[in-house]
Amino acid sequence: MIAPKTNSLLSLVAAAAVLPLLGLYGLLMYIVTPTPTGGMETTVTTICYIAFTFIFSALIIVALNFSKQLSREAKGVYLTP
């Protein structure tokens, strides 16, 4: 078992891990977007948009759920699945 103060700190860290994920998502969306001088085809761009959206939304959901679980454990609330 981890101390409650450590759990609350780790909960904050897990929630803060979402910000770099959002930054990376935005950067990848910028890179994938076609420009007037060139770039990828529109079909490939759409597939990349959808794939990156699914991947990053799943990662963000996992990070936020883990943060919520650590926060509950720091308060002494234990939920069984």
Protein backbone atom coordinates (compact mmCIF):
# COMPACT_ATOMS: atom_id res chain seq x y z
CA MET A 1 0.00 0.00 0.00
CA ILE A 2 1.08 3.51 -0.77
CA ALA A 3 0.62 6.38 1.66
CA PRO A 4 -2.48 8.55 1.03
CA LYS A 5 -0.38 11.68 0.44
CA THR A 6 1.65 9.83 -2.17
CA ASN A 7 -1.54 8.59 -3.82
CA SER A 8 -2.96 12.09 -4.04
CA LEU A 9 0.31 13.36 -5.56
CA LEU A 10 0.37 10.51 -8.08
CA SER A 11 -3.26 11.24 -8.89
CA LEU A 12 -2.32 14.80 -9.79
CA VAL A 13 0.64 13.58 -11.87
CA ALA A 14 -1.57 11.12 -13.77
CA ALA A 15 -4.08 13.89 -14.50
CA ALA A 16 -1.27 16.24 -15.58
CA ALA A 17 -0.03 13.59 -18.03
CA VAL A 18 -3.00 14.48 -20.21
CA LEU A 19 -1.55 17.88 -21.16
CA PRO A 20 1.49 16.53 -23.07
CA LEU A 21 -0.81 14.03 -24.78
CA LEU A 22 -3.05 16.87 -25.96
CA GLY A 23 0.00 18.80 -27.14
CA LEU A 24 1.30 15.82 -29.08
CA TYR A 25 -2.15 15.25 -30.55
CA GLY A 26 -2.31 18.86 -31.72
CA LEU A 27 1.17 18.64 -33.22
CA LEU A 28 0.32 15.46 -35.10
CA MET A 29 -2.91 16.99 -36.40
CA TYR A 30 -0.90 19.98 -37.64
CA ILE A 31 1.66 17.73 -39.34
CA VAL A 32 -0.99 15.57 -41.01
CA THR A 33 -2.99 18.53 -42.38
CA PRO A 34 -2.27 19.03 -46.09
CA THR A 35 -0.88 22.38 -47.22
CA PRO A 36 -1.46 24.21 -50.51
CA THR A 37 2.08 23.36 -51.64
CA GLY A 38 1.79 19.62 -50.97
CA GLY A 39 1.14 17.01 -48.36
CA MET A 40 -0.84 13.84 -48.07
CA GLU A 41 -3.98 12.97 -49.99
CA THR A 42 -7.30 13.81 -48.38
CA THR A 43 -8.24 10.15 -47.87
CA VAL A 44 -4.99 9.37 -46.04
CA THR A 45 -5.37 12.56 -44.03
CA THR A 46 -8.89 11.56 -42.94
CA ILE A 47 -7.71 8.10 -41.93
CA CYS A 48 -4.87 9.64 -39.89
CA TYR A 49 -7.30 12.06 -38.21
CA ILE A 50 -9.57 9.19 -37.18
CA ALA A 51 -6.72 6.90 -36.07
CA PHE A 52 -4.96 9.58 -34.02
CA THR A 53 -8.25 10.63 -32.45
CA PHE A 54 -9.05 7.07 -31.34
CA ILE A 55 -5.53 6.41 -30.04
CA PHE A 56 -5.19 9.64 -28.09
CA SER A 57 -8.71 9.57 -26.71
CA ALA A 58 -8.09 6.04 -25.39
CA LEU A 59 -4.80 7.13 -23.78
CA ILE A 60 -6.45 10.17 -22.19
CA ILE A 61 -9.34 8.08 -20.85
CA VAL A 62 -6.91 5.60 -19.30
CA ALA A 63 -4.85 8.38 -17.68
CA LEU A 64 -7.93 10.09 -16.23
CA ASN A 65 -9.41 6.83 -14.94
CA PHE A 66 -6.10 5.95 -13.29
CA SER A 67 -6.00 9.40 -11.73
CA LYS A 68 -9.54 8.99 -10.42
CA GLN A 69 -8.68 5.55 -9.01
CA LEU A 70 -5.62 6.93 -7.19
CA SER A 71 -7.67 9.83 -5.85
CA ARG A 72 -10.29 7.46 -4.45
CA GLU A 73 -7.61 5.28 -2.89
CA ALA A 74 -6.05 8.34 -1.24
CA LYS A 75 -9.41 9.12 0.35
CA GLY A 76 -9.76 5.53 1.58
CA VAL A 77 -12.58 4.57 -0.78
CA TYR A 78 -12.01 1.17 -2.33
CA LEU A 79 -14.28 0.09 -5.17
CA THR A 80 -14.13 -3.39 -6.56
CA PRO A 81 -14.80 -3.83 -10.27
